[in-house]
């Protein structure tokens, strides 16, 4: 069983308001410098998340979402501290996560 952790926000927040590209690029470089496999994904319109499922009342129901999904819980917790306006959570899967 795989335990996935995620940070979700509106696509506009991730793509226009925060330097998420820079954060993920730096994380990728860090992983490569330690020969570590990439265990995080940036996903547009994640199918595992809907605002009603998680009782998130600060998202508008009609907006498009994006998520950063990782096997590393500490990375997601760090993102929450860094980005503030994201919702974090987790889910389990019997298979490796493949973004849709």
N, C-alpha and C. Protein backbone atom coordinates (compact mmCIF):
# COMPACT_ATOMS: atom_id res chain seq x y z
N UNK A 1 0.84 -1.17 0.00
CA UNK A 1 0.00 0.00 0.00
C UNK A 1 0.89 1.24 0.00
N UNK A 2 0.58 2.19 -0.86
CA UNK A 2 1.32 3.44 -0.96
C UNK A 2 0.54 4.54 -0.24
N UNK A 3 1.22 5.34 0.55
CA UNK A 3 0.62 6.49 1.22
C UNK A 3 1.06 7.75 0.48
N UNK A 4 0.09 8.44 -0.09
CA UNK A 4 0.37 9.67 -0.82
C UNK A 4 -0.10 10.86 -0.01
N UNK A 5 0.61 11.94 -0.13
CA UNK A 5 0.27 13.18 0.54
C UNK A 5 0.17 14.24 -0.54
N UNK A 6 -0.71 15.22 -0.33
CA UNK A 6 -0.90 16.21 -1.38
C UNK A 6 -1.16 17.59 -0.80
N UNK A 7 -0.84 18.57 -1.61
CA UNK A 7 -1.18 19.96 -1.36
C UNK A 7 -2.00 20.40 -2.57
N UNK A 8 -3.19 20.89 -2.34
CA UNK A 8 -4.07 21.27 -3.44
C UNK A 8 -4.48 22.74 -3.29
N UNK A 9 -4.62 23.40 -4.43
CA UNK A 9 -5.06 24.80 -4.48
C UNK A 9 -5.63 25.03 -5.88
N UNK A 10 -6.09 26.23 -6.11
CA UNK A 10 -6.58 26.54 -7.45
C UNK A 10 -5.40 26.57 -8.42
N UNK A 11 -5.69 26.26 -9.66
CA UNK A 11 -4.64 26.32 -10.68
C UNK A 11 -4.09 27.74 -10.78
N UNK A 12 -4.95 28.72 -10.66
CA UNK A 12 -4.51 30.11 -10.73
C UNK A 12 -3.50 30.41 -9.62
N UNK A 13 -3.74 29.93 -8.43
CA UNK A 13 -2.82 30.16 -7.31
C UNK A 13 -1.46 29.55 -7.61
N UNK A 14 -1.45 28.28 -8.01
CA UNK A 14 -0.18 27.60 -8.28
C UNK A 14 0.55 28.18 -9.49
N UNK A 15 -0.18 28.48 -10.53
CA UNK A 15 0.46 28.87 -11.79
C UNK A 15 0.72 30.37 -11.94
N UNK A 16 -0.04 31.20 -11.24
CA UNK A 16 0.09 32.64 -11.42
C UNK A 16 0.55 33.41 -10.19
N UNK A 17 0.25 32.90 -9.01
CA UNK A 17 0.52 33.67 -7.80
C UNK A 17 1.73 33.19 -7.00
N UNK A 18 2.14 31.96 -7.18
CA UNK A 18 3.27 31.41 -6.42
C UNK A 18 4.36 30.92 -7.36
N UNK A 19 5.60 30.94 -6.91
CA UNK A 19 6.71 30.48 -7.75
C UNK A 19 6.85 28.95 -7.73
N UNK A 20 5.76 28.26 -8.02
CA UNK A 20 5.75 26.80 -7.88
C UNK A 20 6.73 26.13 -8.84
N UNK A 21 6.89 26.71 -10.03
CA UNK A 21 7.84 26.14 -10.98
C UNK A 21 9.25 26.15 -10.39
N UNK A 22 9.61 27.25 -9.78
CA UNK A 22 10.93 27.36 -9.17
C UNK A 22 11.09 26.39 -7.99
N UNK A 23 10.08 26.27 -7.17
CA UNK A 23 10.13 25.35 -6.03
C UNK A 23 10.32 23.92 -6.51
N UNK A 24 9.56 23.50 -7.52
CA UNK A 24 9.67 22.12 -8.02
C UNK A 24 10.98 21.89 -8.77
N UNK A 25 11.46 22.90 -9.46
CA UNK A 25 12.75 22.78 -10.15
C UNK A 25 13.88 22.59 -9.12
N UNK A 26 13.86 23.38 -8.05
CA UNK A 26 14.87 23.23 -7.00
C UNK A 26 14.78 21.87 -6.32
N UNK A 27 13.56 21.40 -6.11
CA UNK A 27 13.37 20.07 -5.49
C UNK A 27 13.90 18.98 -6.42
N UNK A 28 13.66 19.12 -7.70
CA UNK A 28 14.17 18.15 -8.68
C UNK A 28 15.70 18.13 -8.69
N UNK A 29 16.32 19.31 -8.67
CA UNK A 29 17.78 19.39 -8.63
C UNK A 29 18.33 18.76 -7.36
N UNK A 30 17.66 18.99 -6.24
CA UNK A 30 18.08 18.39 -4.97
C UNK A 30 18.04 16.86 -5.07
N UNK A 31 16.95 16.31 -5.62
CA UNK A 31 16.82 14.85 -5.77
C UNK A 31 17.93 14.30 -6.67
N UNK A 32 18.18 14.99 -7.77
CA UNK A 32 19.21 14.52 -8.70
C UNK A 32 20.60 14.55 -8.06
N UNK A 33 20.88 15.56 -7.26
CA UNK A 33 22.19 15.64 -6.61
C UNK A 33 22.43 14.51 -5.62
N UNK A 34 21.35 13.92 -5.11
CA UNK A 34 21.46 12.79 -4.19
C UNK A 34 21.05 11.47 -4.83
N UNK A 35 20.92 11.46 -6.17
CA UNK A 35 20.52 10.26 -6.92
C UNK A 35 19.25 9.63 -6.36
N UNK A 36 18.31 10.47 -5.99
CA UNK A 36 17.03 10.01 -5.44
C UNK A 36 15.98 10.04 -6.54
N UNK A 37 15.14 9.01 -6.58
CA UNK A 37 14.05 8.96 -7.55
C UNK A 37 13.02 10.04 -7.23
N UNK A 38 12.49 10.65 -8.27
CA UNK A 38 11.45 11.66 -8.11
C UNK A 38 10.20 10.98 -7.54
N UNK A 39 9.70 11.50 -6.43
CA UNK A 39 8.52 10.92 -5.80
C UNK A 39 7.44 11.97 -5.60
N UNK A 40 7.40 12.95 -6.51
CA UNK A 40 6.36 13.97 -6.45
C UNK A 40 5.92 14.31 -7.86
N UNK A 41 4.67 14.79 -7.96
CA UNK A 41 4.07 15.11 -9.24
C UNK A 41 3.24 16.37 -9.10
N UNK A 42 3.22 17.18 -10.15
CA UNK A 42 2.32 18.33 -10.23
C UNK A 42 1.19 17.91 -11.15
N UNK A 43 -0.04 17.98 -10.64
CA UNK A 43 -1.19 17.44 -11.36
C UNK A 43 -2.25 18.53 -11.55
N UNK A 44 -2.66 18.74 -12.79
CA UNK A 44 -3.78 19.63 -13.07
C UNK A 44 -5.07 18.83 -13.01
N UNK A 45 -6.10 19.41 -12.46
CA UNK A 45 -7.41 18.75 -12.34
C UNK A 45 -7.31 17.36 -11.73
N UNK A 46 -6.78 17.23 -10.52
CA UNK A 46 -6.61 15.92 -9.91
C UNK A 46 -7.95 15.22 -9.69
N UNK A 47 -8.05 13.98 -10.14
CA UNK A 47 -9.31 13.24 -10.02
C UNK A 47 -9.55 12.72 -8.61
N UNK A 48 -8.51 12.65 -7.80
CA UNK A 48 -8.68 12.14 -6.43
C UNK A 48 -9.26 13.18 -5.49
N UNK A 49 -9.38 14.42 -5.92
CA UNK A 49 -9.81 15.50 -5.04
C UNK A 49 -11.04 16.22 -5.57
N UNK A 50 -11.97 16.43 -4.69
CA UNK A 50 -13.06 17.37 -4.97
C UNK A 50 -13.34 18.10 -3.67
N UNK A 51 -13.68 19.34 -3.76
CA UNK A 51 -13.83 20.16 -2.55
C UNK A 51 -14.90 19.61 -1.62
N UNK A 52 -15.93 18.99 -2.17
CA UNK A 52 -16.98 18.45 -1.31
C UNK A 52 -16.49 17.24 -0.52
N UNK A 53 -15.56 16.47 -1.08
CA UNK A 53 -15.03 15.30 -0.38
C UNK A 53 -14.26 15.68 0.86
N UNK A 54 -13.63 16.82 0.85
CA UNK A 54 -12.72 17.19 1.93
C UNK A 54 -13.23 18.37 2.76
N UNK A 55 -14.49 18.75 2.56
CA UNK A 55 -15.08 19.84 3.34
C UNK A 55 -14.23 21.11 3.31
N UNK A 56 -13.71 21.42 2.16
CA UNK A 56 -12.89 22.62 2.02
C UNK A 56 -13.83 23.75 1.65
N UNK A 57 -14.02 24.67 2.57
CA UNK A 57 -14.98 25.72 2.29
C UNK A 57 -14.34 26.98 1.73
N UNK A 58 -13.03 27.04 1.60
CA UNK A 58 -12.43 28.24 1.05
C UNK A 58 -12.10 28.13 -0.42
N UNK A 59 -12.51 27.05 -1.07
CA UNK A 59 -12.37 26.92 -2.52
C UNK A 59 -13.74 27.14 -3.16
N UNK A 60 -13.75 27.77 -4.31
CA UNK A 60 -14.98 27.88 -5.08
C UNK A 60 -15.19 26.57 -5.82
N UNK A 61 -16.40 26.10 -5.84
CA UNK A 61 -16.69 24.80 -6.44
C UNK A 61 -16.44 24.74 -7.94
N UNK A 62 -16.50 25.87 -8.64
CA UNK A 62 -16.36 25.86 -10.10
C UNK A 62 -14.96 26.15 -10.59
N UNK A 63 -14.00 26.31 -9.71
CA UNK A 63 -12.65 26.63 -10.17
C UNK A 63 -11.85 25.36 -10.44
N UNK A 64 -10.86 25.49 -11.27
CA UNK A 64 -9.98 24.36 -11.60
C UNK A 64 -8.92 24.22 -10.52
N UNK A 65 -8.65 22.98 -10.15
CA UNK A 65 -7.68 22.69 -9.11
C UNK A 65 -6.38 22.16 -9.69
N UNK A 66 -5.34 22.25 -8.89
CA UNK A 66 -4.05 21.62 -9.19
C UNK A 66 -3.54 21.06 -7.87
N UNK A 67 -2.67 20.07 -7.96
CA UNK A 67 -2.14 19.47 -6.73
C UNK A 67 -0.68 19.07 -6.94
N UNK A 68 0.02 19.08 -5.84
CA UNK A 68 1.35 18.49 -5.78
C UNK A 68 1.19 17.25 -4.92
N UNK A 69 1.51 16.12 -5.49
CA UNK A 69 1.35 14.83 -4.81
C UNK A 69 2.73 14.26 -4.57
N UNK A 70 2.93 13.68 -3.38
CA UNK A 70 4.24 13.14 -3.06
C UNK A 70 4.11 11.96 -2.10
N UNK A 71 5.12 11.11 -2.12
CA UNK A 71 5.23 10.05 -1.12
C UNK A 71 5.86 10.58 0.17
N UNK A 72 6.42 11.78 0.10
CA UNK A 72 7.15 12.39 1.21
C UNK A 72 6.24 13.36 1.98
N UNK A 73 5.76 12.93 3.13
CA UNK A 73 4.86 13.74 3.94
C UNK A 73 5.52 15.05 4.38
N UNK A 74 6.79 14.99 4.72
CA UNK A 74 7.49 16.20 5.18
C UNK A 74 7.58 17.25 4.08
N UNK A 75 7.75 16.83 2.85
CA UNK A 75 7.77 17.77 1.73
C UNK A 75 6.44 18.50 1.62
N UNK A 76 5.34 17.79 1.73
CA UNK A 76 4.01 18.40 1.64
C UNK A 76 3.78 19.34 2.83
N UNK A 77 4.21 18.93 4.01
CA UNK A 77 4.08 19.81 5.18
C UNK A 77 4.91 21.08 5.01
N UNK A 78 6.09 20.95 4.43
CA UNK A 78 6.93 22.11 4.15
C UNK A 78 6.23 23.03 3.15
N UNK A 79 5.60 22.43 2.11
CA UNK A 79 4.86 23.24 1.14
C UNK A 79 3.75 24.03 1.81
N UNK A 80 3.05 23.40 2.75
CA UNK A 80 1.98 24.08 3.47
C UNK A 80 2.53 25.31 4.21
N UNK A 81 3.68 25.15 4.85
CA UNK A 81 4.30 26.27 5.55
C UNK A 81 4.76 27.35 4.57
N UNK A 82 5.28 26.93 3.43
CA UNK A 82 5.84 27.84 2.44
C UNK A 82 4.75 28.59 1.67
N UNK A 83 3.67 27.87 1.31
CA UNK A 83 2.65 28.43 0.44
C UNK A 83 1.41 28.93 1.19
N UNK A 84 1.18 28.45 2.37
CA UNK A 84 0.10 28.82 3.28
C UNK A 84 -1.30 28.53 2.73
N UNK A 85 -1.67 29.08 1.58
CA UNK A 85 -3.04 28.97 1.09
C UNK A 85 -3.26 27.71 0.26
N UNK A 86 -2.88 26.57 0.80
CA UNK A 86 -3.13 25.28 0.18
C UNK A 86 -3.81 24.39 1.20
N UNK A 87 -4.54 23.42 0.71
CA UNK A 87 -5.16 22.41 1.56
C UNK A 87 -4.29 21.16 1.44
N UNK A 88 -3.94 20.55 2.56
CA UNK A 88 -3.15 19.33 2.50
C UNK A 88 -3.98 18.15 2.98
N UNK A 89 -3.63 16.99 2.49
CA UNK A 89 -4.32 15.77 2.87
C UNK A 89 -3.53 14.58 2.41
N UNK A 90 -4.14 13.42 2.51
CA UNK A 90 -3.46 12.20 2.09
C UNK A 90 -4.48 11.18 1.61
N UNK A 91 -3.98 10.19 0.89
CA UNK A 91 -4.81 9.07 0.47
C UNK A 91 -3.92 7.86 0.30
N UNK A 92 -4.53 6.69 0.28
CA UNK A 92 -3.79 5.44 0.09
C UNK A 92 -4.19 4.82 -1.24
N UNK A 93 -3.23 4.11 -1.82
CA UNK A 93 -3.49 3.41 -3.07
C UNK A 93 -2.66 2.14 -3.10
N UNK A 94 -3.18 1.13 -3.74
CA UNK A 94 -2.44 -0.13 -3.86
C UNK A 94 -1.46 -0.07 -5.02
N UNK A 95 -1.57 0.93 -5.84
CA UNK A 95 -0.66 1.05 -6.98
C UNK A 95 0.04 2.40 -6.97
N UNK A 96 1.06 2.50 -7.77
CA UNK A 96 1.82 3.75 -7.87
C UNK A 96 0.93 4.80 -8.52
N UNK A 97 1.04 6.00 -8.05
CA UNK A 97 0.22 7.10 -8.56
C UNK A 97 0.63 7.47 -9.97
N UNK A 98 -0.34 7.52 -10.85
CA UNK A 98 -0.10 7.98 -12.21
C UNK A 98 -1.04 9.14 -12.46
N UNK A 99 -0.51 10.34 -12.57
CA UNK A 99 -1.37 11.50 -12.79
C UNK A 99 -2.21 11.36 -14.04
N UNK A 100 -3.45 11.82 -13.95
CA UNK A 100 -4.31 11.74 -15.14
C UNK A 100 -4.45 13.08 -15.80
